[in-house]
Amino acid sequence: QVFEAGRHAAALGPRFRLRAMPPSQRRVLVIGGSFAGLCVARDLKDHYLVTIVDAKEFFEYTPGVLRAYVKPKHLDALTFTLYPVIEGRMGCKFIWGEVKELNGADRTATIKPVF
């Protein structure tokens, strides 16, 4: 059995496949909780333990922010707090902080939490 890294891994070829291990032993760190980070986490969460790290505690649809200057009530439609969405609805772990170092050889990350 082979778990694929994302929905489209089969199209990328066998070098992108990982040997099957129980999800409790395989972890994925996603850096950034914006569009791409949330999509990657959604695609991988059924096969891996996913942790998302973001320097902000909220998602912001940046292209719409200028409209919020004219209509301040519109800001609520452009932002949401990441923690309840990632940990509650998605079932992943969220760390509000910064990734300071990645060590590929050891497969570790140094993360500085905001608090």
PDB file of N, CA and C in Angstrom:
ATOM      1  N   GLN A   1       0.849  -1.179   0.000  1.00  0.00           N
ATOM      2  CA  GLN A   1       0.000   0.000   0.000  1.00  0.00           C
ATOM      3  C   GLN A   1       0.888   1.233   0.000  1.00  0.00           C
ATOM      4  N   VAL A   2       0.477   2.249  -0.733  1.00  0.00           N
ATOM      5  CA  VAL A   2       1.241   3.492  -0.833  1.00  0.00           C
ATOM      6  C   VAL A   2       0.310   4.665  -0.580  1.00  0.00           C
ATOM      7  N   PHE A   3       0.722   5.566   0.317  1.00  0.00           N
ATOM      8  CA  PHE A   3      -0.004   6.819   0.502  1.00  0.00           C
ATOM      9  C   PHE A   3       0.583   7.822  -0.474  1.00  0.00           C
ATOM     10  N   GLU A   4      -0.259   8.571  -1.121  1.00  0.00           N
ATOM     11  CA  GLU A   4       0.218   9.565  -2.065  1.00  0.00           C
ATOM     12  C   GLU A   4       0.269  10.934  -1.400  1.00  0.00           C
ATOM     13  N   ALA A   5       1.248  11.709  -1.758  1.00  0.00           N
ATOM     14  CA  ALA A   5       1.411  13.053  -1.206  1.00  0.00           C
ATOM     15  C   ALA A   5       0.518  14.022  -1.968  1.00  0.00           C
ATOM     16  N   GLY A   6      -0.735  14.063  -1.607  1.00  0.00           N
ATOM     17  CA  GLY A   6      -1.681  14.949  -2.271  1.00  0.00           C
ATOM     18  C   GLY A   6      -2.487  14.207  -3.318  1.00  0.00           C
ATOM     19  N   ARG A   7      -3.522  14.850  -3.789  1.00  0.00           N
ATOM     20  CA  ARG A   7      -4.427  14.239  -4.758  1.00  0.00           C
ATOM     21  C   ARG A   7      -3.760  13.917  -6.078  1.00  0.00           C
ATOM     22  N   HIS A   8      -2.818  14.729  -6.490  1.00  0.00           N
ATOM     23  CA  HIS A   8      -2.274  14.614  -7.831  1.00  0.00           C
ATOM     24  C   HIS A   8      -0.904  13.944  -7.857  1.00  0.00           C
ATOM     25  N   ALA A   9      -0.513  13.284  -6.790  1.00  0.00           N
ATOM     26  CA  ALA A   9       0.812  12.675  -6.731  1.00  0.00           C
ATOM     27  C   ALA A   9       0.983  11.566  -7.753  1.00  0.00           C
ATOM     28  N   ALA A  10      -0.065  10.832  -8.055  1.00  0.00           N
ATOM     29  CA  ALA A  10       0.036   9.744  -9.028  1.00  0.00           C
ATOM     30  C   ALA A  10       0.471  10.280 -10.387  1.00  0.00           C
ATOM     31  N   ALA A  11       0.022  11.452 -10.743  1.00  0.00           N
ATOM     32  CA  ALA A  11       0.395  12.044 -12.023  1.00  0.00           C
ATOM     33  C   ALA A  11       1.851  12.497 -12.037  1.00  0.00           C
ATOM     34  N   LEU A  12       2.428  12.722 -10.862  1.00  0.00           N
ATOM     35  CA  LEU A  12       3.804  13.189 -10.768  1.00  0.00           C
ATOM     36  C   LEU A  12       4.811  12.051 -10.848  1.00  0.00           C
ATOM     37  N   GLY A  13       4.362  10.830 -10.652  1.00  0.00           N
ATOM     38  CA  GLY A  13       5.257   9.683 -10.745  1.00  0.00           C
ATOM     39  C   GLY A  13       5.579   9.083  -9.396  1.00  0.00           C
ATOM     40  N   PRO A  14       6.243   7.908  -9.402  1.00  0.00           N
ATOM     41  CA  PRO A  14       6.494   7.168  -8.169  1.00  0.00           C
ATOM     42  C   PRO A  14       7.471   7.838  -7.217  1.00  0.00           C
ATOM     43  N   ARG A  15       8.315   8.748  -7.687  1.00  0.00           N
ATOM     44  CA  ARG A  15       9.275   9.360  -6.766  1.00  0.00           C
ATOM     45  C   ARG A  15       8.603  10.232  -5.717  1.00  0.00           C
ATOM     46  N   PHE A  16       7.346  10.597  -5.918  1.00  0.00           N
ATOM     47  CA  PHE A  16       6.622  11.421  -4.962  1.00  0.00           C
ATOM     48  C   PHE A  16       5.778  10.587  -4.008  1.00  0.00           C
ATOM     49  N   ARG A  17       5.913   9.284  -4.063  1.00  0.00           N
ATOM     50  CA  ARG A  17       5.132   8.423  -3.179  1.00  0.00           C
ATOM     51  C   ARG A  17       5.947   8.046  -1.951  1.00  0.00           C
ATOM     52  N   LEU A  18       5.270   7.842  -0.867  1.00  0.00           N
ATOM     53  CA  LEU A  18       5.905   7.467   0.389  1.00  0.00           C
ATOM     54  C   LEU A  18       5.446   6.078   0.788  1.00  0.00           C
ATOM     55  N   ARG A  19       6.326   5.311   1.365  1.00  0.00           N
ATOM     56  CA  ARG A  19       5.947   3.992   1.854  1.00  0.00           C
ATOM     57  C   ARG A  19       4.895   4.143   2.943  1.00  0.00           C
ATOM     58  N   ALA A  20       3.984   3.199   2.982  1.00  0.00           N
ATOM     59  CA  ALA A  20       2.869   3.274   3.925  1.00  0.00           C
ATOM     60  C   ALA A  20       3.348   3.094   5.355  1.00  0.00           C
ATOM     61  N   MET A  21       2.922   3.980   6.212  1.00  0.00           N
ATOM     62  CA  MET A  21       3.127   3.893   7.651  1.00  0.00           C
ATOM     63  C   MET A  21       1.846   4.391   8.288  1.00  0.00           C
ATOM     64  N   PRO A  22       1.548   3.930   9.473  1.00  0.00           N
ATOM     65  CA  PRO A  22       0.339   4.433  10.137  1.00  0.00           C
ATOM     66  C   PRO A  22       0.409   5.950  10.287  1.00  0.00           C
ATOM     67  N   PRO A  23      -0.724   6.639  10.157  1.00  0.00           N
ATOM     68  CA  PRO A  23      -0.734   8.098  10.288  1.00  0.00           C
ATOM     69  C   PRO A  23      -0.130   8.585  11.596  1.00  0.00           C
ATOM     70  N   SER A  24      -0.214   7.777  12.645  1.00  0.00           N
ATOM     71  CA  SER A  24       0.330   8.210  13.930  1.00  0.00           C
ATOM     72  C   SER A  24       1.851   8.322  13.881  1.00  0.00           C
ATOM     73  N   GLN A  25       2.473   7.738  12.858  1.00  0.00           N
ATOM     74  CA  GLN A  25       3.930   7.796  12.748  1.00  0.00           C
ATOM     75  C   GLN A  25       4.406   8.760  11.667  1.00  0.00           C
ATOM     76  N   ARG A  26       3.515   9.224  10.818  1.00  0.00           N
ATOM     77  CA  ARG A  26       3.884  10.130   9.735  1.00  0.00           C
ATOM     78  C   ARG A  26       3.314  11.511  10.002  1.00  0.00           C
ATOM     79  N   ARG A  27       4.187  12.510   9.987  1.00  0.00           N
ATOM     80  CA  ARG A  27       3.737  13.872  10.245  1.00  0.00           C
ATOM     81  C   ARG A  27       4.174  14.791   9.116  1.00  0.00           C
ATOM     82  N   VAL A  28       3.351  15.797   8.859  1.00  0.00           N
ATOM     83  CA  VAL A  28       3.645  16.787   7.827  1.00  0.00           C
ATOM     84  C   VAL A  28       3.529  18.170   8.456  1.00  0.00           C
ATOM     85  N   LEU A  29       4.525  19.006   8.203  1.00  0.00           N
ATOM     86  CA  LEU A  29       4.495  20.391   8.659  1.00  0.00           C
ATOM     87  C   LEU A  29       4.198  21.274   7.457  1.00  0.00           C
ATOM     88  N   VAL A  30       3.141  22.061   7.562  1.00  0.00           N
ATOM     89  CA  VAL A  30       2.767  23.003   6.507  1.00  0.00           C
ATOM     90  C   VAL A  30       3.086  24.398   7.030  1.00  0.00           C
ATOM     91  N   ILE A  31       3.912  25.124   6.292  1.00  0.00           N
ATOM     92  CA  ILE A  31       4.286  26.475   6.703  1.00  0.00           C
ATOM     93  C   ILE A  31       3.413  27.456   5.937  1.00  0.00           C
ATOM     94  N   GLY A  32       2.539  28.126   6.667  1.00  0.00           N
ATOM     95  CA  GLY A  32       1.633  29.102   6.072  1.00  0.00           C
ATOM     96  C   GLY A  32       0.205  28.609   6.043  1.00  0.00           C
ATOM     97  N   GLY A  33      -0.696  29.408   6.581  1.00  0.00           N
ATOM     98  CA  GLY A  33      -2.106  29.037   6.654  1.00  0.00           C
ATOM     99  C   GLY A  33      -2.983  29.855   5.734  1.00  0.00           C
ATOM    100  N   SER A  34      -2.466  30.166   4.552  1.00  0.00           N
ATOM    101  CA  SER A  34      -3.283  30.880   3.574  1.00  0.00           C
ATOM    102  C   SER A  34      -3.864  29.863   2.595  1.00  0.00           C
ATOM    103  N   PHE A  35      -4.175  30.285   1.384  1.00  0.00           N
ATOM    104  CA  PHE A  35      -4.849  29.404   0.426  1.00  0.00           C
ATOM    105  C   PHE A  35      -4.111  28.087   0.209  1.00  0.00           C
ATOM    106  N   ALA A  36      -2.840  28.158  -0.179  1.00  0.00           N
ATOM    107  CA  ALA A  36      -2.084  26.943  -0.499  1.00  0.00           C
ATOM    108  C   ALA A  36      -1.906  26.060   0.729  1.00  0.00           C
ATOM    109  N   GLY A  37      -1.556  26.657   1.864  1.00  0.00           N
ATOM    110  CA  GLY A  37      -1.351  25.875   3.078  1.00  0.00           C
ATOM    111  C   GLY A  37      -2.600  25.144   3.529  1.00  0.00           C
ATOM    112  N   LEU A  38      -3.734  25.820   3.478  1.00  0.00           N
ATOM    113  CA  LEU A  38      -4.991  25.181   3.878  1.00  0.00           C
ATOM    114  C   LEU A  38      -5.395  24.082   2.900  1.00  0.00           C
ATOM    115  N   CYS A  39      -5.147  24.287   1.613  1.00  0.00           N
ATOM    116  CA  CYS A  39      -5.476  23.252   0.613  1.00  0.00           C
ATOM    117  C   CYS A  39      -4.591  22.024   0.784  1.00  0.00           C
ATOM    118  N   VAL A  40      -3.300  22.232   1.005  1.00  0.00           N
ATOM    119  CA  VAL A  40      -2.382  21.109   1.219  1.00  0.00           C
ATOM    120  C   VAL A  40      -2.783  20.336   2.469  1.00  0.00           C
ATOM    121  N   ALA A  41      -3.074  21.049   3.546  1.00  0.00           N
ATOM    122  CA  ALA A  41      -3.483  20.387   4.791  1.00  0.00           C
ATOM    123  C   ALA A  41      -4.761  19.585   4.584  1.00  0.00           C
ATOM    124  N   ARG A  42      -5.707  20.156   3.870  1.00  0.00           N
ATOM    125  CA  ARG A  42      -6.960  19.447   3.594  1.00  0.00           C
ATOM    126  C   ARG A  42      -6.702  18.159   2.819  1.00  0.00           C
ATOM    127  N   ASP A  43      -5.821  18.215   1.832  1.00  0.00           N
ATOM    128  CA  ASP A  43      -5.540  17.044   1.008  1.00  0.00           C
ATOM    129  C   ASP A  43      -4.767  15.959   1.760  1.00  0.00           C
ATOM    130  N   LEU A  44      -3.926  16.345   2.716  1.00  0.00           N
ATOM    131  CA  LEU A  44      -3.071  15.375   3.403  1.00  0.00           C
ATOM    132  C   LEU A  44      -3.620  14.871   4.732  1.00  0.00           C
ATOM    133  N   LYS A  45      -4.608  15.542   5.292  1.00  0.00           N
ATOM    134  CA  LYS A  45      -5.052  15.238   6.655  1.00  0.00           C
ATOM    135  C   LYS A  45      -5.611  13.834   6.840  1.00  0.00           C
ATOM    136  N   ASP A  46      -6.090  13.208   5.795  1.00  0.00           N
ATOM    137  CA  ASP A  46      -6.641  11.861   5.932  1.00  0.00           C
ATOM    138  C   ASP A  46      -5.560  10.787   6.012  1.00  0.00           C
ATOM    139  N   HIS A  47      -4.330  11.127   5.642  1.00  0.00           N
ATOM    140  CA  HIS A  47      -3.249  10.145   5.620  1.00  0.00           C
ATOM    141  C   HIS A  47      -2.102  10.468   6.572  1.00  0.00           C
ATOM    142  N   TYR A  48      -2.033  11.697   7.058  1.00  0.00           N
ATOM    143  CA  TYR A  48      -0.922  12.131   7.891  1.00  0.00           C
ATOM    144  C   TYR A  48      -1.428  13.000   9.040  1.00  0.00           C
ATOM    145  N   LEU A  49      -0.594  13.137  10.055  1.00  0.00           N
ATOM    146  CA  LEU A  49      -0.861  14.102  11.118  1.00  0.00           C
ATOM    147  C   LEU A  49      -0.294  15.433  10.636  1.00  0.00           C
ATOM    148  N   VAL A  50      -1.157  16.378  10.371  1.00  0.00           N
ATOM    149  CA  VAL A  50      -0.753  17.646   9.758  1.00  0.00           C
ATOM    150  C   VAL A  50      -0.727  18.749  10.810  1.00  0.00           C
ATOM    151  N   THR A  51       0.368  19.506  10.816  1.00  0.00           N
ATOM    152  CA  THR A  51       0.501  20.695  11.654  1.00  0.00           C
ATOM    153  C   THR A  51       0.731  21.886  10.734  1.00  0.00           C
ATOM    154  N   ILE A  52      -0.041  22.943  10.951  1.00  0.00           N
ATOM    155  CA  ILE A  52       0.124  24.182  10.183  1.00  0.00           C
ATOM    156  C   ILE A  52       0.722  25.235  11.106  1.00  0.00           C
ATOM    157  N   VAL A  53       1.778  25.900  10.638  1.00  0.00           N
ATOM    158  CA  VAL A  53       2.399  26.997  11.378  1.00  0.00           C
ATOM    159  C   VAL A  53       2.191  28.269  10.570  1.00  0.00           C
ATOM    160  N   ASP A  54       1.707  29.311  11.240  1.00  0.00           N
ATOM    161  CA  ASP A  54       1.541  30.605  10.576  1.00  0.00           C
ATOM    162  C   ASP A  54       1.895  31.712  11.553  1.00  0.00           C
ATOM    163  N   ALA A  55       2.518  32.767  11.044  1.00  0.00           N
ATOM    164  CA  ALA A  55       2.912  33.897  11.876  1.00  0.00           C
ATOM    165  C   ALA A  55       1.722  34.757  12.285  1.00  0.00           C
ATOM    166  N   LYS A  56       0.596  34.573  11.599  1.00  0.00           N
ATOM    167  CA  LYS A  56      -0.627  35.301  11.955  1.00  0.00           C
ATOM    168  C   LYS A  56      -1.619  34.311  12.544  1.00  0.00           C
ATOM    169  N   GLU A  57      -2.485  34.794  13.406  1.00  0.00           N
ATOM    170  CA  GLU A  57      -3.501  33.916  13.978  1.00  0.00           C
ATOM    171  C   GLU A  57      -4.785  33.929  13.160  1.00  0.00           C
ATOM    172  N   PHE A  58      -4.779  34.672  12.063  1.00  0.00           N
ATOM    173  CA  PHE A  58      -5.997  34.809  11.274  1.00  0.00           C
ATOM    174  C   PHE A  58      -5.697  34.664   9.785  1.00  0.00           C
ATOM    175  N   PHE A  59      -6.713  34.257   9.044  1.00  0.00           N
ATOM    176  CA  PHE A  59      -6.664  34.225   7.580  1.00  0.00           C
ATOM    177  C   PHE A  59      -7.202  35.551   7.086  1.00  0.00           C
ATOM    178  N   GLU A  60      -6.597  36.060   6.032  1.00  0.00           N
ATOM    179  CA  GLU A  60      -7.048  37.334   5.473  1.00  0.00           C
ATOM    180  C   GLU A  60      -7.076  37.231   3.955  1.00  0.00           C
ATOM    181  N   TYR A  61      -8.216  37.528   3.371  1.00  0.00           N
ATOM    182  CA  TYR A  61      -8.322  37.599   1.920  1.00  0.00           C
ATOM    183  C   TYR A  61      -7.836  38.981   1.510  1.00  0.00           C
ATOM    184  N   THR A  62      -6.543  39.083   1.257  1.00  0.00           N
ATOM    185  CA  THR A  62      -5.882  40.366   1.038  1.00  0.00           C
ATOM    186  C   THR A  62      -6.448  41.187  -0.120  1.00  0.00           C
ATOM    187  N   PRO A  63      -6.792  40.587  -1.271  1.00  0.00           N
ATOM    188  CA  PRO A  63      -7.312  41.425  -2.360  1.00  0.00           C
ATOM    189  C   PRO A  63      -8.574  42.208  -1.996  1.00  0.00           C
ATOM    190  N   GLY A  64      -9.321  41.756  -1.009  1.00  0.00           N
ATOM    191  CA  GLY A  64     -10.551  42.444  -0.647  1.00  0.00           C
ATOM    192  C   GLY A  64     -10.404  43.475   0.450  1.00  0.00           C
ATOM    193  N   VAL A  65      -9.184  43.632   0.978  1.00  0.00           N
ATOM    194  CA  VAL A  65      -8.984  44.529   2.115  1.00  0.00           C
ATOM    195  C   VAL A  65      -9.284  45.985   1.759  1.00  0.00           C
ATOM    196  N   LEU A  66      -8.971  46.399   0.552  1.00  0.00           N
ATOM    197  CA  LEU A  66      -9.243  47.792   0.178  1.00  0.00           C
ATOM    198  C   LEU A  66     -10.724  48.126   0.274  1.00  0.00           C
ATOM    199  N   ARG A  67     -11.559  47.155  -0.027  1.00  0.00           N
ATOM    200  CA  ARG A  67     -13.009  47.385   0.086  1.00  0.00           C
ATOM    201  C   ARG A  67     -13.409  47.636   1.543  1.00  0.00           C
ATOM    202  N   ALA A  68     -12.700  47.019   2.471  1.00  0.00           N
ATOM    203  CA  ALA A  68     -13.011  47.191   3.891  1.00  0.00           C
ATOM    204  C   ALA A  68     -12.744  48.618   4.364  1.00  0.00           C
ATOM    205  N   TYR A  69     -11.858  49.334   3.688  1.00  0.00           N
ATOM    206  CA  TYR A  69     -11.633  50.739   4.044  1.00  0.00           C
ATOM    207  C   TYR A  69     -12.877  51.576   3.767  1.00  0.00           C
ATOM    208  N   VAL A  70     -13.578  51.232   2.703  1.00  0.00           N
ATOM    209  CA  VAL A  70     -14.791  51.956   2.331  1.00  0.00           C
ATOM    210  C   VAL A  70     -15.988  51.437   3.117  1.00  0.00           C
ATOM    211  N   LYS A  71     -16.053  50.114   3.287  1.00  0.00           N
ATOM    212  CA  LYS A  71     -17.137  49.469   4.035  1.00  0.00           C
ATOM    213  C   LYS A  71     -16.531  48.624   5.155  1.00  0.00           C
ATOM    214  N   PRO A  72     -16.287  49.212   6.329  1.00  0.00           N
ATOM    215  CA  PRO A  72     -15.640  48.484   7.422  1.00  0.00           C
ATOM    216  C   PRO A  72     -16.358  47.192   7.833  1.00  0.00           C
ATOM    217  N   LYS A  73     -17.666  47.130   7.671  1.00  0.00           N
ATOM    218  CA  LYS A  73     -18.397  45.905   8.025  1.00  0.00           C
ATOM    219  C   LYS A  73     -18.004  44.736   7.128  1.00  0.00           C
ATOM    220  N   HIS A  74     -17.451  45.032   5.974  1.00  0.00           N
ATOM    221  CA  HIS A  74     -17.044  43.996   5.019  1.00  0.00           C
ATOM    222  C   HIS A  74     -15.829  43.197   5.520  1.00  0.00           C
ATOM    223  N   LEU A  75     -15.093  43.728   6.497  1.00  0.00           N
ATOM    224  CA  LEU A  75     -13.897  43.054   7.012  1.00  0.00           C
ATOM    225  C   LEU A  75     -14.211  41.666   7.564  1.00  0.00           C
ATOM    226  N   ASP A  76     -15.364  41.501   8.190  1.00  0.00           N
ATOM    227  CA  ASP A  76     -15.735  40.190   8.740  1.00  0.00           C
ATOM    228  C   ASP A  76     -15.833  39.120   7.659  1.00  0.00           C
ATOM    229  N   ALA A  77     -16.173  39.509   6.450  1.00  0.00           N
ATOM    230  CA  ALA A  77     -16.270  38.550   5.345  1.00  0.00           C
ATOM    231  C   ALA A  77     -14.898  38.219   4.759  1.00  0.00           C
ATOM    232  N   LEU A  78     -13.878  38.983   5.124  1.00  0.00           N
ATOM    233  CA  LEU A  78     -12.547  38.802   4.550  1.00  0.00           C
ATOM    234  C   LEU A  78     -11.570  38.091   5.467  1.00  0.00           C
ATOM    235  N   THR A  79     -11.908  37.945   6.736  1.00  0.00           N
ATOM    236  CA  THR A  79     -10.974  37.361   7.697  1.00  0.00           C
ATOM    237  C   THR A  79     -11.671  36.338   8.589  1.00  0.00           C
ATOM    238  N   PHE A  80     -10.882  35.421   9.110  1.00  0.00           N
ATOM    239  CA  PHE A  80     -11.361  34.518  10.156  1.00  0.00           C
ATOM    240  C   PHE A  80     -10.164  34.029  10.962  1.00  0.00           C
ATOM    241  N   THR A  81     -10.417  33.652  12.199  1.00  0.00           N
ATOM    242  CA  THR A  81      -9.382  33.126  13.075  1.00  0.00           C
ATOM    243  C   THR A  81      -9.045  31.703  12.644  1.00  0.00           C
ATOM    244  N   LEU A  82      -7.760  31.402  12.498  1.00  0.00           N
ATOM    245  CA  LEU A  82      -7.327  30.107  11.980  1.00  0.00           C
ATOM    246  C   LEU A  82      -7.559  28.945  12.944  1.00  0.00           C
ATOM    247  N   TYR A  83      -7.310  29.155  14.234  1.00  0.00           N
ATOM    248  CA  TYR A  83      -7.354  28.046  15.195  1.00  0.00           C
ATOM    249  C   TYR A  83      -8.643  27.224  15.137  1.00  0.00           C
ATOM    250  N   PRO A  84      -9.825  27.833  15.251  1.00  0.00           N
ATOM    251  CA  PRO A  84     -11.034  27.003  15.252  1.00  0.00           C
ATOM    252  C   PRO A  84     -11.278  26.271  13.931  1.00  0.00           C
ATOM    253  N   VAL A  85     -10.836  26.845  12.840  1.00  0.00           N
ATOM    254  CA  VAL A  85     -11.026  26.191  11.541  1.00  0.00           C
ATOM    255  C   VAL A  85     -10.052  25.024  11.391  1.00  0.00           C
ATOM    256  N   ILE A  86      -8.781  25.261  11.680  1.00  0.00           N
ATOM    257  CA  ILE A  86      -7.766  24.221  11.494  1.00  0.00           C
ATOM    258  C   ILE A  86      -7.928  23.099  12.508  1.00  0.00           C
ATOM    259  N   GLU A  87      -8.083  23.438  13.783  1.00  0.00           N
ATOM    260  CA  GLU A  87      -8.167  22.392  14.805  1.00  0.00           C
ATOM    261  C   GLU A  87      -9.568  21.808  14.926  1.00  0.00           C
ATOM    262  N   GLY A  88     -10.592  22.617  14.721  1.00  0.00           N
ATOM    263  CA  GLY A  88     -11.961  22.136  14.864  1.00  0.00           C
ATOM    264  C   GLY A  88     -12.496  21.460  13.623  1.00  0.00           C
ATOM    265  N   ARG A  89     -12.634  22.213  12.566  1.00  0.00           N
ATOM    266  CA  ARG A  89     -13.249  21.680  11.338  1.00  0.00           C
ATOM    267  C   ARG A  89     -12.332  20.745  10.557  1.00  0.00           C
ATOM    268  N   MET A  90     -11.039  21.087  10.470  1.00  0.00           N
ATOM    269  CA  MET A  90     -10.129  20.286   9.652  1.00  0.00           C
ATOM    270  C   MET A  90      -9.527  19.105  10.407  1.00  0.00           C
ATOM    271  N   GLY A  91      -9.407  19.218  11.719  1.00  0.00           N
ATOM    272  CA  GLY A  91      -8.810  18.138  12.496  1.00  0.00           C
ATOM    273  C   GLY A  91      -7.290  18.106  12.430  1.00  0.00           C
ATOM    274  N   CYS A  92      -6.672  19.244  12.141  1.00  0.00           N
ATOM    275  CA  CYS A  92      -5.215  19.357  12.108  1.00  0.00           C
ATOM    276  C   CYS A  92      -4.767  20.141  13.341  1.00  0.00           C
ATOM    277  N   LYS A  93      -3.457  20.255  13.520  1.00  0.00           N
ATOM    278  CA  LYS A  93      -2.922  21.042  14.629  1.00  0.00           C
ATOM    279  C   LYS A  93      -2.470  22.396  14.086  1.00  0.00           C
ATOM    280  N   PHE A  94      -2.691  23.459  14.879  1.00  0.00           N
ATOM    281  CA  PHE A  94      -2.273  24.800  14.483  1.00  0.00           C
ATOM    282  C   PHE A  94      -1.306  25.366  15.507  1.00  0.00           C
ATOM    283  N   ILE A  95      -0.194  25.930  15.025  1.00  0.00           N
ATOM    284  CA  ILE A  95       0.758  26.632  15.883  1.00  0.00           C
ATOM    285  C   ILE A  95       0.871  28.057  15.353  1.00  0.00           C
ATOM    286  N   TRP A  96       0.559  29.005  16.224  1.00  0.00           N
ATOM    287  CA  TRP A  96       0.707  30.413  15.880  1.00  0.00           C
ATOM    288  C   TRP A  96       2.138  30.790  16.219  1.00  0.00           C
ATOM    289  N   GLY A  97       2.967  30.932  15.210  1.00  0.00           N
ATOM    290  CA  GLY A  97       4.370  31.220  15.444  1.00  0.00           C
ATOM    291  C   GLY A  97       5.162  31.282  14.153  1.00  0.00           C
ATOM    292  N   GLU A  98       6.493  31.273  14.306  1.00  0.00           N
ATOM    293  CA  GLU A  98       7.396  31.381  13.166  1.00  0.00           C
ATOM    294  C   GLU A  98       8.299  30.166  13.102  1.00  0.00           C
ATOM    295  N   VAL A  99       8.525  29.670  11.905  1.00  0.00           N
ATOM    296  CA  VAL A  99       9.505  28.608  11.703  1.00  0.00           C
ATOM    297  C   VAL A  99      10.857  29.294  11.566  1.00  0.00           C
ATOM    298  N   LYS A 100      11.753  29.021  12.502  1.00  0.00           N
ATOM    299  CA  LYS A 100      13.065  29.661  12.524  1.00  0.00           C
ATOM    300  C   LYS A 100      14.111  28.855  11.771  1.00  0.00           C
ATOM    301  N   GLU A 101      13.944  27.523  11.758  1.00  0.00           N
ATOM    302  CA  GLU A 101      14.942  26.681  11.103  1.00  0.00           C
ATOM    303  C   GLU A 101      14.310  25.373  10.661  1.00  0.00           C
ATOM    304  N   LEU A 102      14.704  24.901   9.494  1.00  0.00           N
ATOM    305  CA  LEU A 102      14.319  23.580   9.003  1.00  0.00           C
ATOM    306  C   LEU A 102      15.591  22.771   8.822  1.00  0.00           C
ATOM    307  N   ASN A 103      15.590  21.538   9.315  1.00  0.00           N
ATOM    308  CA  ASN A 103      16.727  20.648   9.159  1.00  0.00           C
ATOM    309  C   ASN A 103      16.252  19.425   8.395  1.00  0.00           C
ATOM    310  N   GLY A 104      16.537  19.393   7.097  1.00  0.00           N
ATOM    311  CA  GLY A 104      16.082  18.296   6.251  1.00  0.00           C
ATOM    312  C   GLY A 104      16.690  16.965   6.620  1.00  0.00           C
ATOM    313  N   ALA A 105      17.965  16.964   7.012  1.00  0.00           N
ATOM    314  CA  ALA A 105      18.639  15.711   7.359  1.00  0.00           C
ATOM    315  C   ALA A 105      17.999  15.056   8.579  1.00  0.00           C
ATOM    316  N   ASP A 106      17.670  15.864   9.570  1.00  0.00           N
ATOM    317  CA  ASP A 106      17.055  15.339  10.797  1.00  0.00           C
ATOM    318  C   ASP A 106      15.536  15.328  10.735  1.00  0.00           C
ATOM    319  N   ARG A 107      14.989  15.969   9.702  1.00  0.00           N
ATOM    320  CA  ARG A 107      13.534  16.110   9.563  1.00  0.00           C
ATOM    321  C   ARG A 107      12.924  16.794  10.786  1.00  0.00           C
ATOM    322  N   THR A 108      13.531  17.912  11.164  1.00  0.00           N
ATOM    323  CA  THR A 108      13.038  18.677  12.305  1.00  0.00           C
ATOM    324  C   THR A 108      12.858  20.139  11.910  1.00  0.00           C
ATOM    325  N   ALA A 109      12.057  20.828  12.698  1.00  0.00           N
ATOM    326  CA  ALA A 109      11.838  22.257  12.515  1.00  0.00           C
ATOM    327  C   ALA A 109      11.933  22.934  13.871  1.00  0.00           C
ATOM    328  N   THR A 110      12.530  24.109  13.896  1.00  0.00           N
ATOM    329  CA  THR A 110      12.567  24.921  15.104  1.00  0.00           C
ATOM    330  C   THR A 110      11.503  25.995  14.946  1.00  0.00           C
ATOM    331  N   ILE A 111      10.546  25.997  15.865  1.00  0.00           N
ATOM    332  CA  ILE A 111       9.408  26.911  15.785  1.00  0.00           C
ATOM    333  C   ILE A 111       9.400  27.803  17.015  1.00  0.00           C
ATOM    334  N   LYS A 112       9.248  29.103  16.779  1.00  0.00           N
ATOM    335  CA  LYS A 112       9.123  30.056  17.882  1.00  0.00           C
ATOM    336  C   LYS A 112       7.653  30.436  17.992  1.00  0.00           C
ATOM    337  N   PRO A 113       6.952  29.920  19.014  1.00  0.00           N
ATOM    338  CA  PRO A 113       5.537  30.282  19.191  1.00  0.00           C
ATOM    339  C   PRO A 113       5.393  31.760  19.540  1.00  0.00           C
ATOM    340  N   VAL A 114       4.255  32.348  19.171  1.00  0.00           N
ATOM    341  CA  VAL A 114       4.010  33.751  19.472  1.00  0.00           C
ATOM    342  C   VAL A 114       3.895  33.960  20.974  1.00  0.00           C
ATOM    343  N   PHE A 115       3.257  33.029  21.663  1.00  0.00           N
ATOM    344  CA  PHE A 115       3.167  33.141  23.125  1.00  0.00           C
ATOM    345  C   PHE A 115       3.351  31.807  23.763  1.00  0.00           C
TER     346      PHE A 115
END
